[in-house]
Amino acid sequence: MNETADFMPLTTPVFHILLALSDGERHGYAMLQEIESKSDGSVKLGTGTLYTAIKRMLASGLIERTQSQLEPEQDDERRRYYRITTLGKRVAAAEAARMDALVVWARAKRVF
């Protein structure tokens, strides 16, 4: 069994957080904005949901904390920045492939 199988299927918050971090580091509020924007408002995570997921994702090695790349005067010291790990990238790719297979099946069944 591969290392990504234990994570499947991902919850909606976890998959969206991984997608939000897939192209660079972000702090929590920026992740919330990215997720809401890219989902056309159909996914709106609460801060409790976000930070609970982040805590679990840190513990499982999907993401890691980083230091802000901004100058101190341009950033808020309370912000915590995160980035996706190599494992997180593999898990996100596996979930996207799983979802793609479902879409292929749905098309074959003429669901849409």
C-alpha atoms as a PDB file:
ATOM      1  CA  MET A   1       0.000   0.000   0.000  1.00  0.00           C
ATOM      2  CA  ASN A   2       1.352   3.452  -0.807  1.00  0.00           C
ATOM      3  CA  GLU A   3       1.862   6.279   1.660  1.00  0.00           C
ATOM      4  CA  THR A   4      -1.050   8.344   0.347  1.00  0.00           C
ATOM      5  CA  ALA A   5      -3.689   5.630   0.788  1.00  0.00           C
ATOM      6  CA  ASP A   6      -4.054   6.244   4.524  1.00  0.00           C
ATOM      7  CA  PHE A   7      -5.198   9.814   3.819  1.00  0.00           C
ATOM      8  CA  MET A   8      -7.885   8.950   1.245  1.00  0.00           C
ATOM      9  CA  PRO A   9     -10.432  10.272   0.717  1.00  0.00           C
ATOM     10  CA  LEU A  10      -9.509  13.753   1.906  1.00  0.00           C
ATOM     11  CA  THR A  11     -12.048  15.939   3.611  1.00  0.00           C
ATOM     12  CA  THR A  12     -13.145  19.046   1.751  1.00  0.00           C
ATOM     13  CA  PRO A  13     -11.236  21.418   4.073  1.00  0.00           C
ATOM     14  CA  VAL A  14      -7.993  19.422   3.843  1.00  0.00           C
ATOM     15  CA  PHE A  15      -8.083  19.177   0.048  1.00  0.00           C
ATOM     16  CA  HIS A  16      -8.821  22.875  -0.341  1.00  0.00           C
ATOM     17  CA  ILE A  17      -6.063  23.844   2.097  1.00  0.00           C
ATOM     18  CA  LEU A  18      -3.568  21.708   0.163  1.00  0.00           C
ATOM     19  CA  LEU A  19      -4.697  23.335  -3.085  1.00  0.00           C
ATOM     20  CA  ALA A  20      -4.386  26.817  -1.558  1.00  0.00           C
ATOM     21  CA  LEU A  21      -0.813  26.043  -0.495  1.00  0.00           C
ATOM     22  CA  SER A  22       0.203  24.258  -3.693  1.00  0.00           C
ATOM     23  CA  ASP A  23       1.601  27.396  -5.313  1.00  0.00           C
ATOM     24  CA  GLY A  24       3.177  29.063  -2.296  1.00  0.00           C
ATOM     25  CA  GLU A  25       3.175  29.837   1.397  1.00  0.00           C
ATOM     26  CA  ARG A  26       0.133  31.466   2.964  1.00  0.00           C
ATOM     27  CA  HIS A  27      -1.183  32.457   6.347  1.00  0.00           C
ATOM     28  CA  GLY A  28      -4.595  31.307   7.530  1.00  0.00           C
ATOM     29  CA  TYR A  29      -6.661  34.285   6.413  1.00  0.00           C
ATOM     30  CA  ALA A  30      -5.045  34.225   2.960  1.00  0.00           C
ATOM     31  CA  MET A  31      -5.953  30.533   2.676  1.00  0.00           C
ATOM     32  CA  LEU A  32      -9.577  31.301   3.545  1.00  0.00           C
ATOM     33  CA  GLN A  33      -9.671  34.017   0.877  1.00  0.00           C
ATOM     34  CA  GLU A  34      -8.057  31.777  -1.763  1.00  0.00           C
ATOM     35  CA  ILE A  35     -10.428  28.894  -1.043  1.00  0.00           C
ATOM     36  CA  GLU A  36     -13.527  31.062  -1.181  1.00  0.00           C
ATOM     37  CA  SER A  37     -12.345  32.817  -4.344  1.00  0.00           C
ATOM     38  CA  LYS A  38     -11.291  29.700  -6.270  1.00  0.00           C
ATOM     39  CA  SER A  39     -14.493  27.857  -5.323  1.00  0.00           C
ATOM     40  CA  ASP A  40     -16.638  30.814  -6.477  1.00  0.00           C
ATOM     41  CA  GLY A  41     -17.899  31.103  -2.914  1.00  0.00           C
ATOM     42  CA  SER A  42     -19.195  27.537  -2.711  1.00  0.00           C
ATOM     43  CA  VAL A  43     -16.634  26.615  -0.034  1.00  0.00           C
ATOM     44  CA  LYS A  44     -16.427  28.921   2.963  1.00  0.00           C
ATOM     45  CA  LEU A  45     -14.380  27.531   5.810  1.00  0.00           C
ATOM     46  CA  GLY A  46     -14.788  28.905   9.291  1.00  0.00           C
ATOM     47  CA  THR A  47     -11.668  29.772  11.249  1.00  0.00           C
ATOM     48  CA  GLY A  48     -12.318  26.918  13.686  1.00  0.00           C
ATOM     49  CA  THR A  49     -12.513  24.417  10.835  1.00  0.00           C
ATOM     50  CA  LEU A  50      -9.404  25.878   9.203  1.00  0.00           C
ATOM     51  CA  TYR A  51      -7.216  25.813  12.291  1.00  0.00           C
ATOM     52  CA  THR A  52      -8.421  22.379  13.410  1.00  0.00           C
ATOM     53  CA  ALA A  53      -7.510  21.033   9.966  1.00  0.00           C
ATOM     54  CA  ILE A  54      -4.161  22.853  10.016  1.00  0.00           C
ATOM     55  CA  LYS A  55      -3.309  21.332  13.398  1.00  0.00           C
ATOM     56  CA  ARG A  56      -4.036  17.820  12.096  1.00  0.00           C
ATOM     57  CA  MET A  57      -2.212  18.456   8.832  1.00  0.00           C
ATOM     58  CA  LEU A  58       0.881  19.661  10.681  1.00  0.00           C
ATOM     59  CA  ALA A  59       0.822  16.544  12.865  1.00  0.00           C
ATOM     60  CA  SER A  60       0.473  14.241   9.851  1.00  0.00           C
ATOM     61  CA  GLY A  61       3.226  15.965   7.844  1.00  0.00           C
ATOM     62  CA  LEU A  62       1.054  17.304   5.017  1.00  0.00           C
ATOM     63  CA  ILE A  63       2.052  20.910   5.726  1.00  0.00           C
ATOM     64  CA  GLU A  64       4.676  22.720   7.796  1.00  0.00           C
ATOM     65  CA  ARG A  65       5.040  26.113   9.414  1.00  0.00           C
ATOM     66  CA  THR A  66       7.379  28.638   7.865  1.00  0.00           C
ATOM     67  CA  GLN A  67       8.634  32.100   8.592  1.00  0.00           C
ATOM     68  CA  SER A  68       7.092  35.096   6.865  1.00  0.00           C
ATOM     69  CA  GLN A  69       8.962  36.242   3.773  1.00  0.00           C
ATOM     70  CA  LEU A  70       7.748  39.806   4.275  1.00  0.00           C
ATOM     71  CA  GLU A  71       9.603  42.585   6.007  1.00  0.00           C
ATOM     72  CA  PRO A  72       8.447  42.884   9.647  1.00  0.00           C
ATOM     73  CA  GLU A  73       6.901  46.315   9.030  1.00  0.00           C
ATOM     74  CA  GLN A  74       4.802  44.856   6.189  1.00  0.00           C
ATOM     75  CA  ASP A  75       3.495  41.870   8.134  1.00  0.00           C
ATOM     76  CA  ASP A  76       1.527  41.136  11.285  1.00  0.00           C
ATOM     77  CA  GLU A  77       3.636  39.230  13.801  1.00  0.00           C
ATOM     78  CA  ARG A  78       0.579  37.214  14.867  1.00  0.00           C
ATOM     79  CA  ARG A  79       0.273  35.583  11.452  1.00  0.00           C
ATOM     80  CA  ARG A  80       1.465  32.018  11.070  1.00  0.00           C
ATOM     81  CA  TYR A  81       2.589  30.931   7.616  1.00  0.00           C
ATOM     82  CA  TYR A  82       2.348  27.429   6.207  1.00  0.00           C
ATOM     83  CA  ARG A  83       3.566  25.531   3.153  1.00  0.00           C
ATOM     84  CA  ILE A  84       2.748  22.186   1.631  1.00  0.00           C
ATOM     85  CA  THR A  85       5.269  19.378   2.106  1.00  0.00           C
ATOM     86  CA  THR A  86       6.388  16.818  -0.449  1.00  0.00           C
ATOM     87  CA  LEU A  87       4.032  14.326   1.189  1.00  0.00           C
ATOM     88  CA  GLY A  88       1.235  16.906   1.024  1.00  0.00           C
ATOM     89  CA  LYS A  89       1.832  17.351  -2.708  1.00  0.00           C
ATOM     90  CA  ARG A  90       1.669  13.593  -3.297  1.00  0.00           C
ATOM     91  CA  VAL A  91      -1.525  13.312  -1.251  1.00  0.00           C
ATOM     92  CA  ALA A  92      -3.148  16.238  -3.103  1.00  0.00           C
ATOM     93  CA  ALA A  93      -2.207  14.679  -6.449  1.00  0.00           C
ATOM     94  CA  ALA A  94      -3.625  11.313  -5.385  1.00  0.00           C
ATOM     95  CA  GLU A  95      -6.883  12.946  -4.301  1.00  0.00           C
ATOM     96  CA  ALA A  96      -7.148  14.884  -7.577  1.00  0.00           C
ATOM     97  CA  ALA A  97      -6.606  11.636  -9.512  1.00  0.00           C
ATOM     98  CA  ARG A  98      -9.254   9.895  -7.379  1.00  0.00           C
ATOM     99  CA  MET A  99     -11.727  12.687  -8.064  1.00  0.00           C
ATOM    100  CA  ASP A 100     -10.872  12.676 -11.774  1.00  0.00           C
ATOM    101  CA  ALA A 101     -11.669   8.961 -11.944  1.00  0.00           C
ATOM    102  CA  LEU A 102     -15.043   9.685 -10.348  1.00  0.00           C
ATOM    103  CA  VAL A 103     -15.778  12.350 -12.946  1.00  0.00           C
ATOM    104  CA  VAL A 104     -14.889   9.915 -15.748  1.00  0.00           C
ATOM    105  CA  TRP A 105     -17.250   7.370 -14.214  1.00  0.00           C
ATOM    106  CA  ALA A 106     -20.012   9.979 -13.810  1.00  0.00           C
ATOM    107  CA  ARG A 107     -19.653  10.955 -17.474  1.00  0.00           C
ATOM    108  CA  ALA A 108     -19.795   7.321 -18.541  1.00  0.00           C
ATOM    109  CA  LYS A 109     -23.017   6.968 -16.541  1.00  0.00           C
ATOM    110  CA  ARG A 110     -24.315  10.165 -18.187  1.00  0.00           C
ATOM    111  CA  VAL A 111     -24.762  11.862 -14.834  1.00  0.00           C
ATOM    112  CA  PHE A 112     -23.733  15.099 -16.544  1.00  0.00           C
END
